[in-house]
Amino acid sequence: MTAELDFVVTLYPEPVLRKEAAPIETFDENLAATVEAMYRRMYASRGVGLAAPQVGLKQRILVVNPSGEAENKDQELTLVNPTIVDRFGPETTMEEGCLSFPQIYAEVTRPDGCKVKAKDIEGNELELEFEGFASRVIQHEYDHLQGILLVDRMSPADKLRHRAALDELIYQYKAAKAPAPKRRLFGR
């Protein structure tokens, strides 16, 4: 029996978040297990969408459930190797949050609709159109696959308003990556 995958959310400014994700080439039980673990992490983190780079994977996978509720399986959508081929409708501004930027919210303007070409976890071709909140979630998660982050979509005023929180995320990242201090042995 194999161990169940368990992901943690990758926080800004981890470099994997800035990389363009690579396409999936193998549609197998490993992909299915990855997607299942991504949904578990998304629900545990109280999110409505999650992209593979947000769990440290350089892969073009995103999972979405606009309801944010695990019980609403009928609203789950998995997109593998997605491409947004069209954005349409009026531009709307809404407050967005991001699991990689805990407790940080910013006003983001996006077109109301999008058309996506992708594959499902079995490799079947999909072509879907979305409007409203579902479109916004997909566009946000798609940004992650392109290495575009919430901070990149923030207005200068939002960046200023969240400067301390952004600086704290950078500080925490650097502190976690810093080498451990060398121990000095006295008397030798």
Protein backbone atom coordinates (compact mmCIF):
# COMPACT_ATOMS: atom_id res chain seq x y z
CA MET A 1 0.00 0.00 0.00
CA THR A 2 1.41 3.40 -0.97
CA ALA A 3 1.38 6.37 1.36
CA GLU A 4 -1.23 9.03 0.70
CA LEU A 5 0.15 12.31 -0.65
CA ASP A 6 -0.09 15.21 1.75
CA PHE A 7 0.74 18.67 0.49
CA VAL A 8 1.34 21.94 2.31
CA VAL A 9 0.70 25.30 0.71
CA THR A 10 3.78 26.95 -0.74
CA LEU A 11 4.01 30.55 0.47
CA TYR A 12 5.32 33.67 -1.25
CA PRO A 13 8.17 34.27 -2.18
CA GLU A 14 9.10 30.60 -2.77
CA PRO A 15 10.75 30.54 -6.26
CA VAL A 16 8.54 27.72 -7.62
CA LEU A 17 5.67 30.23 -7.58
CA ARG A 18 7.50 32.39 -10.14
CA LYS A 19 8.23 29.58 -12.62
CA GLU A 20 6.03 28.73 -15.57
CA ALA A 21 4.67 25.23 -14.92
CA ALA A 22 5.54 22.34 -17.23
CA PRO A 23 2.89 20.37 -19.13
CA ILE A 24 1.72 16.98 -17.91
CA GLU A 25 2.64 14.21 -20.31
CA THR A 26 1.55 11.11 -18.39
CA PHE A 27 -2.07 10.59 -17.39
CA ASP A 28 -1.90 7.81 -14.81
CA GLU A 29 -2.63 6.90 -11.19
CA ASN A 30 0.15 9.27 -10.02
CA LEU A 31 -1.66 12.20 -11.63
CA ALA A 32 -4.96 11.07 -10.09
CA ALA A 33 -3.31 10.82 -6.64
CA THR A 34 -1.77 14.28 -7.06
CA VAL A 35 -5.14 15.80 -7.99
CA GLU A 36 -6.87 14.08 -5.08
CA ALA A 37 -4.22 15.41 -2.67
CA MET A 38 -4.58 18.90 -4.17
CA TYR A 39 -8.33 18.85 -3.48
CA ARG A 40 -7.70 17.71 0.11
CA ARG A 41 -5.22 20.57 0.64
CA MET A 42 -7.54 23.11 -1.00
CA TYR A 43 -10.45 22.15 1.26
CA ALA A 44 -8.28 21.92 4.38
CA SER A 45 -7.01 25.44 3.61
CA ARG A 46 -10.54 26.75 2.98
CA GLY A 47 -9.80 27.63 -0.63
CA VAL A 48 -11.88 27.57 -3.81
CA GLY A 49 -8.99 26.86 -6.17
CA LEU A 50 -5.43 25.58 -6.10
CA ALA A 51 -2.68 25.36 -8.72
CA ALA A 52 0.12 22.78 -8.59
CA PRO A 53 2.89 25.40 -8.03
CA GLN A 54 1.08 26.32 -4.80
CA VAL A 55 1.99 22.89 -3.45
CA GLY A 56 5.53 23.02 -4.81
CA LEU A 57 4.91 21.19 -8.10
CA LYS A 58 6.08 22.63 -11.43
CA GLN A 59 3.12 21.06 -13.23
CA ARG A 60 0.21 22.48 -15.23
CA ILE A 61 -2.63 21.29 -13.00
CA LEU A 62 -5.33 23.31 -11.34
CA VAL A 63 -8.30 22.26 -9.24
CA VAL A 64 -11.36 24.40 -8.59
CA ASN A 65 -14.57 24.22 -6.60
CA PRO A 66 -16.24 27.65 -6.50
CA SER A 67 -18.37 26.56 -3.52
CA GLY A 68 -15.27 25.74 -1.46
CA GLU A 69 -17.22 22.80 0.01
CA ALA A 70 -15.92 19.21 -0.28
CA GLU A 71 -19.53 17.95 -0.16
CA ASN A 72 -20.23 19.71 -3.49
CA LYS A 73 -18.28 17.23 -5.64
CA ASP A 74 -20.47 18.19 -8.63
CA GLN A 75 -18.76 21.62 -8.64
CA GLU A 76 -15.22 20.22 -8.72
CA LEU A 77 -13.25 20.90 -11.87
CA THR A 78 -9.78 19.63 -12.66
CA LEU A 79 -7.91 21.22 -15.57
CA VAL A 80 -4.68 19.64 -16.80
CA ASN A 81 -2.48 21.61 -19.22
CA PRO A 82 -5.04 24.43 -19.43
CA THR A 83 -4.77 27.34 -21.82
CA ILE A 84 -7.05 30.34 -21.64
CA VAL A 85 -7.87 30.91 -25.31
CA ASP A 86 -10.23 33.86 -24.82
CA ARG A 87 -11.25 36.35 -22.17
CA PHE A 88 -14.50 38.22 -22.69
CA GLY A 89 -17.18 40.34 -21.12
CA PRO A 90 -16.96 43.46 -19.02
CA GLU A 91 -14.02 43.89 -16.68
CA THR A 92 -15.05 43.54 -13.07
CA THR A 93 -13.14 44.30 -9.89
CA MET A 94 -13.41 42.00 -6.89
CA GLU A 95 -11.41 41.35 -3.78
CA GLU A 96 -9.21 38.28 -4.22
CA GLY A 97 -7.25 36.30 -1.71
CA CYS A 98 -4.65 33.61 -2.27
CA LEU A 99 -3.58 30.61 -0.21
CA SER A 100 0.07 31.51 -0.95
CA PHE A 101 -0.54 34.96 0.61
CA PRO A 102 -2.38 34.18 3.87
CA GLN A 103 -4.65 36.92 5.20
CA ILE A 104 -3.83 39.26 2.28
CA TYR A 105 -6.66 40.47 0.06
CA ALA A 106 -6.52 42.86 -2.88
CA GLU A 107 -8.87 44.35 -5.44
CA VAL A 108 -8.19 42.69 -8.81
CA THR A 109 -9.76 43.59 -12.15
CA ARG A 110 -10.40 40.77 -14.63
CA PRO A 111 -12.70 40.11 -17.60
CA ASP A 112 -15.96 38.49 -16.48
CA GLY A 113 -15.58 35.42 -18.71
CA CYS A 114 -12.98 33.07 -20.10
CA LYS A 115 -12.78 30.17 -22.52
CA VAL A 116 -10.38 27.35 -21.63
CA LYS A 117 -8.90 24.42 -23.52
CA ALA A 118 -7.49 21.70 -21.27
CA LYS A 119 -7.48 17.99 -20.55
CA ASP A 120 -9.14 16.07 -17.76
CA ILE A 121 -7.17 13.65 -15.56
CA GLU A 122 -7.70 10.87 -18.11
CA GLY A 123 -6.27 12.95 -20.96
CA ASN A 124 -9.60 13.75 -22.64
CA GLU A 125 -9.79 17.12 -24.41
CA LEU A 126 -11.98 19.80 -22.82
CA GLU A 127 -13.16 23.15 -24.14
CA LEU A 128 -15.19 25.10 -21.59
CA GLU A 129 -16.50 28.62 -21.03
CA PHE A 130 -16.91 30.23 -17.62
CA GLU A 131 -18.42 33.47 -16.36
CA GLY A 132 -18.60 35.26 -13.05
CA PHE A 133 -16.94 33.85 -9.95
CA ALA A 134 -15.92 30.52 -11.54
CA SER A 135 -14.16 32.42 -14.34
CA ARG A 136 -12.37 34.61 -11.81
CA VAL A 137 -11.13 31.58 -9.84
CA ILE A 138 -9.90 29.87 -13.01
CA GLN A 139 -8.11 33.03 -14.19
CA HIS A 140 -6.47 33.41 -10.75
CA GLU A 141 -5.26 29.80 -10.68
CA TYR A 142 -4.16 29.99 -14.33
CA ASP A 143 -1.98 32.97 -13.37
CA HIS A 144 -0.14 30.62 -10.98
CA LEU A 145 0.68 28.28 -13.86
CA GLN A 146 2.22 31.26 -15.67
CA GLY A 147 4.26 32.42 -12.63
CA ILE A 148 1.97 35.43 -12.07
CA LEU A 149 1.03 36.13 -8.44
CA LEU A 150 -1.52 38.13 -6.50
CA VAL A 151 1.16 40.71 -5.68
CA ASP A 152 1.61 41.27 -9.44
CA ARG A 153 -2.09 42.10 -9.81
CA MET A 154 -2.19 44.47 -6.81
CA SER A 155 -2.61 48.18 -7.24
CA PRO A 156 0.17 50.37 -5.81
CA ALA A 157 -2.22 51.28 -2.98
CA ASP A 158 -2.82 47.61 -2.11
CA LYS A 159 0.92 46.91 -2.21
CA LEU A 160 1.49 49.78 0.20
CA ARG A 161 -1.39 48.67 2.43
CA HIS A 162 0.02 45.11 2.61
CA ARG A 163 3.70 46.03 2.72
CA ALA A 164 4.25 44.82 6.29
CA ALA A 165 2.52 41.46 5.62
CA LEU A 166 4.46 40.97 2.36
CA ASP A 167 7.73 41.86 4.09
CA GLU A 168 6.90 39.36 6.86
CA LEU A 169 6.38 36.58 4.30
CA ILE A 170 9.77 37.41 2.76
CA TYR A 171 11.39 37.49 6.21
CA GLN A 172 9.87 34.10 7.14
CA TYR A 173 11.06 32.60 3.83
CA LYS A 174 14.62 33.88 4.33
CA ALA A 175 14.69 32.74 7.96
CA ALA A 176 13.58 29.23 6.95
CA LYS A 177 16.29 29.06 4.25
CA ALA A 178 19.11 30.47 6.38
CA PRO A 179 21.84 28.01 7.30
CA ALA A 180 21.91 26.92 10.90
CA PRO A 181 24.50 28.81 12.95
CA LYS A 182 27.78 26.97 13.40
CA ARG A 183 28.47 25.71 16.85
CA ARG A 184 31.72 26.73 18.38
CA LEU A 185 33.55 24.27 20.49
CA PHE A 186 35.53 25.92 23.21
CA GLY A 187 38.68 24.44 24.65
CA ARG A 188 39.81 22.71 21.50
